[in-house]
Amino acid sequence: MRRAVTSLAIVAGAWLAYGLLSRQDDDAIGTTTGEDQRGYYLTRATLTEMGPDGAARTVLRAARVEQQLSDQTVLLSDLEVDYTTAQAGAWTVTADRGRLLRDATSLRLSGDVVIRGRESRGSAVIRTDELTYDTVTSLVQTAEPVSVQFGPHRLEGRGLRVALNEGTLRLESNVHGLFNP
């Protein structure tokens, strides 16, 4: 679970960096769509963050990336993020939609959010419909139903709170588990 939490923090950090870098281009050409104005707009985008060793550490793929000029948020659709670190191993996060808020203090994922970890002993999978990552407090949370599976073991509950700095994961209520030998 620590690996899952650490990996989620890395992905959120990559999205934060992307949001900060994307706001530096004040000369972006805007287009008007009805009443909403867009800043930049990308389709089938791939963003890669390199690690200190020169290898790809984070790779974000999205069918669409769009900056909303009205509130300076960045919208992502059909996104997939692969990331690898020596401490956390290899992880993949997928979601139907993502939204990075203007001040880059919050990343919101929604629509079939799945976090998969791969390691030699098996894999860990966290599933929910919505997830929010607070980049200031390093807190990941949702009030939605959550499923956590690691190897043959499974936990389900409603609400999830992960304190990344403390390395804790807590299912908030209605927790049920199945632990196979």
N, C-alpha and C. Protein backbone atom coordinates (compact mmCIF):
# COMPACT_ATOMS: atom_id res chain seq x y z
N MET A 1 0.83 -1.19 0.00
CA MET A 1 0.00 0.00 0.00
C MET A 1 0.87 1.25 0.00
N ARG A 2 2.04 1.17 0.69
CA ARG A 2 2.92 2.33 0.68
C ARG A 2 3.36 2.66 -0.73
N ARG A 3 3.61 1.61 -1.50
CA ARG A 3 4.02 1.84 -2.88
C ARG A 3 2.90 2.51 -3.66
N ALA A 4 1.67 2.10 -3.44
CA ALA A 4 0.54 2.71 -4.13
C ALA A 4 0.42 4.17 -3.76
N VAL A 5 0.56 4.48 -2.51
CA VAL A 5 0.44 5.85 -2.03
C VAL A 5 1.58 6.70 -2.58
N THR A 6 2.79 6.19 -2.54
CA THR A 6 3.94 6.90 -3.06
C THR A 6 3.79 7.14 -4.55
N SER A 7 3.33 6.14 -5.25
CA SER A 7 3.16 6.25 -6.69
C SER A 7 2.10 7.29 -7.04
N LEU A 8 1.02 7.31 -6.30
CA LEU A 8 -0.02 8.30 -6.53
C LEU A 8 0.53 9.70 -6.32
N ALA A 9 1.40 9.87 -5.32
CA ALA A 9 2.02 11.18 -5.07
C ALA A 9 2.90 11.59 -6.24
N ILE A 10 3.61 10.65 -6.81
CA ILE A 10 4.48 10.94 -7.95
C ILE A 10 3.66 11.38 -9.15
N VAL A 11 2.57 10.67 -9.41
CA VAL A 11 1.70 11.03 -10.53
C VAL A 11 1.12 12.42 -10.33
N ALA A 12 0.67 12.68 -9.12
CA ALA A 12 0.09 14.00 -8.84
C ALA A 12 1.15 15.09 -8.99
N GLY A 13 2.36 14.81 -8.59
CA GLY A 13 3.46 15.77 -8.76
C GLY A 13 3.72 16.06 -10.22
N ALA A 14 3.65 15.02 -11.06
CA ALA A 14 3.85 15.21 -12.50
C ALA A 14 2.75 16.09 -13.07
N TRP A 15 1.51 15.84 -12.64
CA TRP A 15 0.41 16.67 -13.12
C TRP A 15 0.57 18.11 -12.63
N LEU A 16 1.05 18.28 -11.41
CA LEU A 16 1.28 19.62 -10.89
C LEU A 16 2.33 20.33 -11.73
N ALA A 17 3.43 19.65 -12.02
CA ALA A 17 4.48 20.24 -12.84
C ALA A 17 3.94 20.60 -14.22
N TYR A 18 3.15 19.73 -14.80
CA TYR A 18 2.55 20.00 -16.10
C TYR A 18 1.68 21.25 -16.03
N GLY A 19 0.88 21.36 -14.99
CA GLY A 19 0.01 22.53 -14.85
C GLY A 19 0.79 23.81 -14.70
N LEU A 20 1.87 23.76 -13.91
CA LEU A 20 2.69 24.96 -13.72
C LEU A 20 3.40 25.35 -15.01
N LEU A 21 3.93 24.37 -15.73
CA LEU A 21 4.62 24.66 -16.98
C LEU A 21 3.66 25.17 -18.04
N SER A 22 2.46 24.63 -18.07
CA SER A 22 1.50 25.02 -19.09
C SER A 22 1.02 26.45 -18.89
N ARG A 23 1.05 26.97 -17.70
CA ARG A 23 0.59 28.34 -17.45
C ARG A 23 1.65 29.38 -17.78
N GLN A 24 2.88 28.97 -18.10
CA GLN A 24 3.93 29.92 -18.42
C GLN A 24 3.75 30.52 -19.80
N ASP A 25 3.02 29.89 -20.69
CA ASP A 25 2.84 30.35 -22.05
C ASP A 25 1.64 31.28 -22.12
N ASP A 26 1.87 32.58 -21.87
CA ASP A 26 0.79 33.55 -21.88
C ASP A 26 0.40 33.95 -23.30
N ASP A 27 1.20 33.58 -24.30
CA ASP A 27 0.93 33.94 -25.67
C ASP A 27 0.16 32.85 -26.42
N ALA A 28 -0.44 31.94 -25.69
CA ALA A 28 -1.18 30.85 -26.34
C ALA A 28 -2.34 31.41 -27.14
N ILE A 29 -2.60 30.81 -28.28
CA ILE A 29 -3.71 31.25 -29.12
C ILE A 29 -4.99 30.69 -28.55
N GLY A 30 -5.96 31.54 -28.29
CA GLY A 30 -7.23 31.11 -27.73
C GLY A 30 -8.25 30.92 -28.84
N THR A 31 -9.16 29.99 -28.64
CA THR A 31 -10.27 29.80 -29.56
C THR A 31 -11.55 29.90 -28.76
N THR A 32 -12.60 30.27 -29.40
CA THR A 32 -13.87 30.43 -28.72
C THR A 32 -14.78 29.28 -29.08
N THR A 33 -15.35 28.65 -28.04
CA THR A 33 -16.32 27.58 -28.22
C THR A 33 -17.56 27.99 -27.45
N GLY A 34 -18.52 28.58 -28.16
CA GLY A 34 -19.69 29.08 -27.46
C GLY A 34 -19.25 30.18 -26.51
N GLU A 35 -19.60 30.04 -25.24
CA GLU A 35 -19.21 31.02 -24.24
C GLU A 35 -17.90 30.69 -23.57
N ASP A 36 -17.43 29.45 -23.70
CA ASP A 36 -16.17 29.05 -23.09
C ASP A 36 -15.02 29.37 -24.02
N GLN A 37 -13.94 29.89 -23.46
CA GLN A 37 -12.75 30.15 -24.23
C GLN A 37 -11.67 29.18 -23.81
N ARG A 38 -10.95 28.65 -24.79
CA ARG A 38 -9.87 27.72 -24.52
C ARG A 38 -8.54 28.42 -24.68
N GLY A 39 -7.59 27.96 -23.88
CA GLY A 39 -6.21 28.37 -24.07
C GLY A 39 -5.61 27.42 -25.08
N TYR A 40 -4.81 26.52 -24.62
CA TYR A 40 -4.26 25.51 -25.53
C TYR A 40 -5.18 24.29 -25.57
N TYR A 41 -5.02 23.51 -26.64
CA TYR A 41 -5.83 22.32 -26.86
C TYR A 41 -4.95 21.30 -27.57
N LEU A 42 -4.85 20.11 -26.99
CA LEU A 42 -4.03 19.05 -27.57
C LEU A 42 -4.87 17.79 -27.74
N THR A 43 -4.61 17.02 -28.78
CA THR A 43 -5.25 15.72 -28.93
C THR A 43 -4.17 14.67 -29.01
N ARG A 44 -4.49 13.49 -28.49
CA ARG A 44 -3.55 12.37 -28.43
C ARG A 44 -2.18 12.83 -27.95
N ALA A 45 -2.18 13.48 -26.81
CA ALA A 45 -0.96 14.06 -26.26
C ALA A 45 -0.21 13.05 -25.40
N THR A 46 1.10 13.10 -25.47
CA THR A 46 1.96 12.31 -24.61
C THR A 46 2.99 13.25 -24.00
N LEU A 47 3.03 13.29 -22.69
CA LEU A 47 4.00 14.10 -21.96
C LEU A 47 4.91 13.16 -21.18
N THR A 48 6.20 13.35 -21.27
CA THR A 48 7.16 12.47 -20.62
C THR A 48 8.06 13.27 -19.70
N GLU A 49 8.16 12.82 -18.45
CA GLU A 49 9.08 13.40 -17.48
C GLU A 49 10.24 12.43 -17.32
N MET A 50 11.44 12.96 -17.48
CA MET A 50 12.62 12.12 -17.38
C MET A 50 13.16 12.15 -15.95
N GLY A 51 13.69 11.03 -15.51
CA GLY A 51 14.31 10.95 -14.20
C GLY A 51 15.75 11.40 -14.26
N PRO A 52 16.44 11.46 -13.11
CA PRO A 52 17.83 11.92 -13.08
C PRO A 52 18.77 11.01 -13.87
N ASP A 53 18.37 9.76 -14.07
CA ASP A 53 19.20 8.83 -14.82
C ASP A 53 18.97 8.91 -16.33
N GLY A 54 18.07 9.78 -16.78
CA GLY A 54 17.79 9.94 -18.19
C GLY A 54 16.70 9.02 -18.71
N ALA A 55 16.20 8.12 -17.89
CA ALA A 55 15.12 7.22 -18.29
C ALA A 55 13.77 7.88 -18.02
N ALA A 56 12.78 7.48 -18.79
CA ALA A 56 11.43 8.02 -18.60
C ALA A 56 10.92 7.60 -17.22
N ARG A 57 10.53 8.58 -16.41
CA ARG A 57 10.01 8.30 -15.08
C ARG A 57 8.49 8.37 -15.06
N THR A 58 7.91 9.34 -15.75
CA THR A 58 6.46 9.50 -15.82
C THR A 58 6.07 9.75 -17.27
N VAL A 59 5.09 9.00 -17.74
CA VAL A 59 4.57 9.20 -19.09
C VAL A 59 3.06 9.37 -18.96
N LEU A 60 2.55 10.54 -19.35
CA LEU A 60 1.13 10.83 -19.31
C LEU A 60 0.61 10.85 -20.74
N ARG A 61 -0.43 10.07 -20.98
CA ARG A 61 -1.08 10.04 -22.28
C ARG A 61 -2.54 10.45 -22.07
N ALA A 62 -3.01 11.34 -22.91
CA ALA A 62 -4.41 11.77 -22.82
C ALA A 62 -4.97 11.93 -24.23
N ALA A 63 -6.20 11.50 -24.39
CA ALA A 63 -6.87 11.69 -25.68
C ALA A 63 -7.05 13.17 -25.98
N ARG A 64 -7.26 13.96 -24.90
CA ARG A 64 -7.47 15.40 -25.07
C ARG A 64 -6.99 16.15 -23.84
N VAL A 65 -6.32 17.26 -24.04
CA VAL A 65 -5.87 18.17 -22.98
C VAL A 65 -6.34 19.56 -23.39
N GLU A 66 -7.02 20.23 -22.48
CA GLU A 66 -7.60 21.53 -22.84
C GLU A 66 -7.53 22.49 -21.66
N GLN A 67 -6.99 23.67 -21.90
CA GLN A 67 -6.95 24.71 -20.87
C GLN A 67 -8.19 25.59 -21.02
N GLN A 68 -8.89 25.79 -19.91
CA GLN A 68 -10.06 26.67 -19.89
C GLN A 68 -9.62 28.06 -19.45
N LEU A 69 -9.74 29.05 -20.33
CA LEU A 69 -9.31 30.40 -19.99
C LEU A 69 -10.18 31.04 -18.91
N SER A 70 -11.45 30.67 -18.86
CA SER A 70 -12.36 31.30 -17.91
C SER A 70 -11.92 31.09 -16.47
N ASP A 71 -11.41 29.90 -16.13
CA ASP A 71 -10.97 29.66 -14.75
C ASP A 71 -9.55 29.09 -14.67
N GLN A 72 -8.85 29.04 -15.81
CA GLN A 72 -7.46 28.59 -15.88
C GLN A 72 -7.24 27.14 -15.43
N THR A 73 -8.28 26.31 -15.50
CA THR A 73 -8.10 24.90 -15.19
C THR A 73 -7.63 24.16 -16.43
N VAL A 74 -7.05 22.99 -16.22
CA VAL A 74 -6.62 22.13 -17.32
C VAL A 74 -7.46 20.87 -17.25
N LEU A 75 -8.16 20.56 -18.35
CA LEU A 75 -9.02 19.39 -18.44
C LEU A 75 -8.30 18.30 -19.24
N LEU A 76 -8.37 17.07 -18.76
CA LEU A 76 -7.78 15.93 -19.43
C LEU A 76 -8.87 14.90 -19.64
N SER A 77 -8.84 14.19 -20.76
CA SER A 77 -9.82 13.13 -20.96
C SER A 77 -9.12 11.86 -21.41
N ASP A 78 -9.71 10.73 -21.03
CA ASP A 78 -9.16 9.40 -21.34
C ASP A 78 -7.66 9.37 -21.07
N LEU A 79 -7.32 9.57 -19.81
CA LEU A 79 -5.90 9.68 -19.49
C LEU A 79 -5.34 8.39 -18.89
N GLU A 80 -4.06 8.21 -19.14
CA GLU A 80 -3.31 7.09 -18.60
C GLU A 80 -1.92 7.60 -18.25
N VAL A 81 -1.48 7.26 -17.05
CA VAL A 81 -0.18 7.69 -16.59
C VAL A 81 0.61 6.46 -16.16
N ASP A 82 1.77 6.28 -16.75
CA ASP A 82 2.70 5.22 -16.34
C ASP A 82 3.85 5.90 -15.63
N TYR A 83 4.25 5.36 -14.50
CA TYR A 83 5.40 5.93 -13.81
C TYR A 83 6.16 4.84 -13.08
N THR A 84 7.45 5.09 -12.97
CA THR A 84 8.34 4.12 -12.36
C THR A 84 9.35 4.85 -11.49
N THR A 85 9.53 4.36 -10.28
CA THR A 85 10.59 4.86 -9.40
C THR A 85 11.24 3.67 -8.72
N ALA A 86 12.46 3.88 -8.25
CA ALA A 86 13.15 2.80 -7.55
C ALA A 86 12.42 2.42 -6.26
N GLN A 87 11.85 3.42 -5.57
CA GLN A 87 11.17 3.16 -4.31
C GLN A 87 9.79 2.56 -4.50
N ALA A 88 9.02 3.05 -5.47
CA ALA A 88 7.62 2.64 -5.61
C ALA A 88 7.40 1.59 -6.69
N GLY A 89 8.36 1.34 -7.53
CA GLY A 89 8.18 0.38 -8.61
C GLY A 89 7.40 0.99 -9.77
N ALA A 90 6.76 0.15 -10.56
CA ALA A 90 6.01 0.60 -11.74
C ALA A 90 4.52 0.65 -11.44
N TRP A 91 3.87 1.75 -11.82
CA TRP A 91 2.45 1.95 -11.57
C TRP A 91 1.78 2.56 -12.79
N THR A 92 0.49 2.31 -12.93
CA THR A 92 -0.32 2.91 -13.99
C THR A 92 -1.61 3.43 -13.36
N VAL A 93 -1.95 4.67 -13.69
CA VAL A 93 -3.21 5.27 -13.25
C VAL A 93 -4.02 5.58 -14.50
N THR A 94 -5.28 5.17 -14.52
CA THR A 94 -6.17 5.51 -15.62
C THR A 94 -7.42 6.17 -15.07
N ALA A 95 -8.00 7.06 -15.85
CA ALA A 95 -9.25 7.72 -15.48
C ALA A 95 -9.90 8.25 -16.75
N ASP A 96 -11.21 8.36 -16.72
CA ASP A 96 -11.93 8.92 -17.86
C ASP A 96 -11.64 10.41 -18.00
N ARG A 97 -11.56 11.10 -16.85
CA ARG A 97 -11.38 12.55 -16.86
C ARG A 97 -10.44 12.99 -15.74
N GLY A 98 -9.78 14.11 -15.98
CA GLY A 98 -8.95 14.73 -14.95
C GLY A 98 -9.10 16.23 -15.03
N ARG A 99 -8.92 16.90 -13.90
CA ARG A 99 -9.03 18.37 -13.84
C ARG A 99 -7.99 18.89 -12.86
N LEU A 100 -7.08 19.71 -13.37
CA LEU A 100 -6.07 20.36 -12.54
C LEU A 100 -6.54 21.79 -12.32
N LEU A 101 -6.77 22.17 -11.06
CA LEU A 101 -7.30 23.49 -10.76
C LEU A 101 -6.25 24.57 -11.04
N ARG A 102 -6.73 25.79 -11.20
CA ARG A 102 -5.91 26.93 -11.58
C ARG A 102 -4.68 27.10 -10.71
N ASP A 103 -4.85 27.04 -9.40
CA ASP A 103 -3.72 27.27 -8.51
C ASP A 103 -2.87 26.01 -8.32
N ALA A 104 -3.20 24.96 -9.04
CA ALA A 104 -2.46 23.70 -9.01
C ALA A 104 -2.36 23.10 -7.61
N THR A 105 -3.34 23.41 -6.75
CA THR A 105 -3.35 22.83 -5.41
C THR A 105 -4.21 21.57 -5.35
N SER A 106 -4.95 21.28 -6.40
CA SER A 106 -5.83 20.13 -6.36
C SER A 106 -5.95 19.50 -7.75
N LEU A 107 -5.80 18.19 -7.79
CA LEU A 107 -5.99 17.42 -9.00
C LEU A 107 -7.17 16.49 -8.75
N ARG A 108 -8.17 16.57 -9.62
CA ARG A 108 -9.37 15.75 -9.46
C ARG A 108 -9.48 14.78 -10.63
N LEU A 109 -9.56 13.50 -10.29
CA LEU A 109 -9.76 12.45 -11.29
C LEU A 109 -11.17 11.90 -11.13
N SER A 110 -11.81 11.58 -12.24
CA SER A 110 -13.16 11.02 -12.15
C SER A 110 -13.40 10.06 -13.30
N GLY A 111 -14.37 9.18 -13.07
CA GLY A 111 -14.75 8.22 -14.08
C GLY A 111 -13.82 7.02 -14.15
N ASP A 112 -14.19 5.96 -13.47
CA ASP A 112 -13.43 4.70 -13.49
C ASP A 112 -11.94 4.92 -13.22
N VAL A 113 -11.64 5.47 -12.05
CA VAL A 113 -10.25 5.70 -11.65
C VAL A 113 -9.65 4.38 -11.17
N VAL A 114 -8.57 3.97 -11.81
CA VAL A 114 -7.90 2.71 -11.47
C VAL A 114 -6.41 2.97 -11.31
N ILE A 115 -5.87 2.53 -10.18
CA ILE A 115 -4.43 2.63 -9.91
C ILE A 115 -3.91 1.21 -9.81
N ARG A 116 -2.98 0.85 -10.68
CA ARG A 116 -2.42 -0.50 -10.71
C ARG A 116 -0.93 -0.45 -10.43
N GLY A 117 -0.50 -1.29 -9.50
CA GLY A 117 0.92 -1.43 -9.22
C GLY A 117 1.39 -2.79 -9.66
N ARG A 118 2.61 -2.85 -10.14
CA ARG A 118 3.17 -4.13 -10.57
C ARG A 118 4.45 -4.38 -9.81
N GLU A 119 4.53 -5.54 -9.22
CA GLU A 119 5.73 -5.94 -8.50
C GLU A 119 5.89 -7.44 -8.62
N SER A 120 7.02 -7.97 -8.21
CA SER A 120 7.30 -9.38 -8.41
C SER A 120 6.37 -10.30 -7.61
N ARG A 121 5.85 -9.85 -6.47
CA ARG A 121 4.98 -10.69 -5.64
C ARG A 121 3.53 -10.65 -6.06
N GLY A 122 3.19 -9.85 -7.00
CA GLY A 122 1.80 -9.70 -7.42
C GLY A 122 1.52 -8.25 -7.73
N SER A 123 0.27 -7.88 -7.75
CA SER A 123 -0.07 -6.51 -8.08
C SER A 123 -1.07 -5.96 -7.08
N ALA A 124 -1.09 -4.64 -6.99
CA ALA A 124 -2.06 -3.94 -6.16
C ALA A 124 -2.94 -3.11 -7.09
N VAL A 125 -4.25 -3.08 -6.79
CA VAL A 125 -5.19 -2.33 -7.61
C VAL A 125 -6.15 -1.58 -6.69
N ILE A 126 -6.29 -0.28 -6.93
CA ILE A 126 -7.24 0.56 -6.20
C ILE A 126 -8.22 1.08 -7.24
N ARG A 127 -9.53 0.94 -6.96
CA ARG A 127 -10.58 1.39 -7.89
C ARG A 127 -11.56 2.30 -7.15
N THR A 128 -11.97 3.36 -7.83
CA THR A 128 -13.00 4.26 -7.33
C THR A 128 -13.53 5.08 -8.49
N ASP A 129 -14.60 5.84 -8.28
CA ASP A 129 -15.16 6.67 -9.33
C ASP A 129 -14.59 8.08 -9.33
N GLU A 130 -14.15 8.55 -8.16
CA GLU A 130 -13.60 9.91 -8.05
C GLU A 130 -12.47 9.90 -7.05
N LEU A 131 -11.51 10.78 -7.28
CA LEU A 131 -10.36 10.87 -6.38
C LEU A 131 -9.82 12.29 -6.45
N THR A 132 -9.46 12.87 -5.32
CA THR A 132 -8.88 14.20 -5.26
C THR A 132 -7.54 14.13 -4.57
N TYR A 133 -6.56 14.80 -5.15
CA TYR A 133 -5.23 14.88 -4.56
C TYR A 133 -4.94 16.33 -4.23
N ASP A 134 -4.72 16.63 -2.96
CA ASP A 134 -4.38 17.97 -2.50
C ASP A 134 -2.86 18.07 -2.52
N THR A 135 -2.32 18.89 -3.42
CA THR A 135 -0.88 18.97 -3.59
C THR A 135 -0.18 19.72 -2.46
N VAL A 136 -0.93 20.51 -1.69
CA VAL A 136 -0.34 21.25 -0.57
C VAL A 136 -0.17 20.35 0.65
N THR A 137 -1.21 19.60 0.99
CA THR A 137 -1.17 18.76 2.19
C THR A 137 -0.77 17.31 1.89
N SER A 138 -0.61 16.97 0.61
CA SER A 138 -0.31 15.60 0.18
C SER A 138 -1.35 14.62 0.70
N LEU A 139 -2.60 15.00 0.56
CA LEU A 139 -3.71 14.18 1.01
C LEU A 139 -4.53 13.73 -0.20
N VAL A 140 -4.77 12.43 -0.28
CA VAL A 140 -5.60 11.84 -1.33
C VAL A 140 -6.87 11.37 -0.67
N GLN A 141 -8.01 11.74 -1.26
CA GLN A 141 -9.26 11.32 -0.63
C GLN A 141 -10.41 11.24 -1.60
N THR A 142 -11.40 10.46 -1.19
CA THR A 142 -12.66 10.35 -1.91
C THR A 142 -13.72 9.95 -0.91
N ALA A 143 -14.96 10.31 -1.19
CA ALA A 143 -16.10 9.88 -0.37
C ALA A 143 -16.85 8.75 -1.06
N GLU A 144 -16.40 8.37 -2.24
CA GLU A 144 -17.05 7.35 -3.04
C GLU A 144 -16.65 5.93 -2.59
N PRO A 145 -17.37 4.93 -3.06
CA PRO A 145 -16.96 3.54 -2.79
C PRO A 145 -15.58 3.27 -3.36
N VAL A 146 -14.80 2.46 -2.62
CA VAL A 146 -13.42 2.15 -2.99
C VAL A 146 -13.19 0.66 -2.87
N SER A 147 -12.41 0.12 -3.80
CA SER A 147 -12.00 -1.27 -3.75
C SER A 147 -10.48 -1.30 -3.78
N VAL A 148 -9.89 -2.03 -2.84
CA VAL A 148 -8.43 -2.17 -2.78
C VAL A 148 -8.13 -3.66 -2.86
N GLN A 149 -7.37 -4.06 -3.86
CA GLN A 149 -7.01 -5.46 -4.01
C GLN A 149 -5.49 -5.57 -4.09
N PHE A 150 -4.92 -6.45 -3.28
CA PHE A 150 -3.48 -6.71 -3.33
C PHE A 150 -3.29 -8.20 -3.27
N GLY A 151 -2.76 -8.74 -4.37
CA GLY A 151 -2.66 -10.19 -4.49
C GLY A 151 -4.04 -10.80 -4.40
N PRO A 152 -4.20 -11.85 -3.60
CA PRO A 152 -5.51 -12.50 -3.47
C PRO A 152 -6.42 -11.81 -2.45
N HIS A 153 -5.96 -10.76 -1.81
CA HIS A 153 -6.71 -10.09 -0.74
C HIS A 153 -7.48 -8.89 -1.30
N ARG A 154 -8.67 -8.64 -0.69
CA ARG A 154 -9.52 -7.55 -1.18
C ARG A 154 -10.19 -6.83 -0.01
N LEU A 155 -10.18 -5.51 -0.06
CA LEU A 155 -10.88 -4.66 0.89
C LEU A 155 -11.82 -3.74 0.11
N GLU A 156 -13.00 -3.52 0.67
CA GLU A 156 -13.94 -2.59 0.08
C GLU A 156 -14.48 -1.69 1.17
N GLY A 157 -14.82 -0.48 0.81
CA GLY A 157 -15.37 0.46 1.77
C GLY A 157 -15.88 1.69 1.07
N ARG A 158 -16.36 2.61 1.85
CA ARG A 158 -16.81 3.90 1.32
C ARG A 158 -15.91 4.96 1.91
N GLY A 159 -15.32 5.72 1.03
CA GLY A 159 -14.42 6.79 1.45
C GLY A 159 -13.00 6.28 1.65
N LEU A 160 -12.06 7.06 1.20
CA LEU A 160 -10.65 6.73 1.30
C LEU A 160 -9.90 7.99 1.67
N ARG A 161 -8.96 7.84 2.56
CA ARG A 161 -8.12 8.98 2.97
C ARG A 161 -6.70 8.45 3.07
N VAL A 162 -5.82 9.01 2.26
CA VAL A 162 -4.42 8.60 2.25
C VAL A 162 -3.58 9.82 2.57
N ALA A 163 -2.84 9.75 3.68
CA ALA A 163 -1.90 10.80 4.05
C ALA A 163 -0.53 10.37 3.52
N LEU A 164 -0.12 10.97 2.42
CA LEU A 164 1.10 10.54 1.77
C LEU A 164 2.35 10.76 2.62
N ASN A 165 2.40 11.87 3.34
CA ASN A 165 3.58 12.15 4.16
C ASN A 165 3.72 11.16 5.32
N GLU A 166 2.60 10.67 5.84
CA GLU A 166 2.64 9.70 6.93
C GLU A 166 2.64 8.26 6.43
N GLY A 167 2.33 8.05 5.15
CA GLY A 167 2.29 6.71 4.59
C GLY A 167 1.13 5.87 5.11
N THR A 168 -0.03 6.52 5.34
CA THR A 168 -1.18 5.79 5.86
C THR A 168 -2.32 5.80 4.85
N LEU A 169 -3.06 4.72 4.83
CA LEU A 169 -4.26 4.58 4.01
C LEU A 169 -5.39 4.16 4.92
N ARG A 170 -6.52 4.85 4.83
CA ARG A 170 -7.65 4.54 5.69
C ARG A 170 -8.93 4.51 4.86
N LEU A 171 -9.64 3.39 4.97
CA LEU A 171 -10.99 3.32 4.41
C LEU A 171 -11.91 3.88 5.48
N GLU A 172 -12.80 4.79 5.11
CA GLU A 172 -13.57 5.56 6.08
C GLU A 172 -14.74 4.81 6.71
N SER A 173 -15.54 4.07 5.95
CA SER A 173 -16.72 3.41 6.51
C SER A 173 -17.13 2.21 5.67
N ASN A 174 -18.04 1.41 6.23
CA ASN A 174 -18.56 0.22 5.55
C ASN A 174 -17.44 -0.65 4.99
N VAL A 175 -16.44 -0.91 5.81
CA VAL A 175 -15.28 -1.67 5.36
C VAL A 175 -15.55 -3.16 5.47
N HIS A 176 -15.28 -3.86 4.38
CA HIS A 176 -15.40 -5.30 4.33
C HIS A 176 -14.15 -5.84 3.68
N GLY A 177 -13.67 -6.98 4.14
CA GLY A 177 -12.45 -7.52 3.57
C GLY A 177 -12.51 -9.01 3.37
N LEU A 178 -11.69 -9.49 2.46
CA LEU A 178 -11.54 -10.90 2.18
C LEU A 178 -10.05 -11.17 2.06
N PHE A 179 -9.53 -11.99 2.98
CA PHE A 179 -8.12 -12.31 2.98
C PHE A 179 -7.97 -13.81 2.74
N ASN A 180 -7.44 -14.16 1.60
CA ASN A 180 -7.21 -15.55 1.26
C ASN A 180 -5.80 -15.96 1.66
N PRO A 181 -5.65 -17.21 2.15
CA PRO A 181 -4.31 -17.62 2.56
C PRO A 181 -3.38 -17.79 1.38
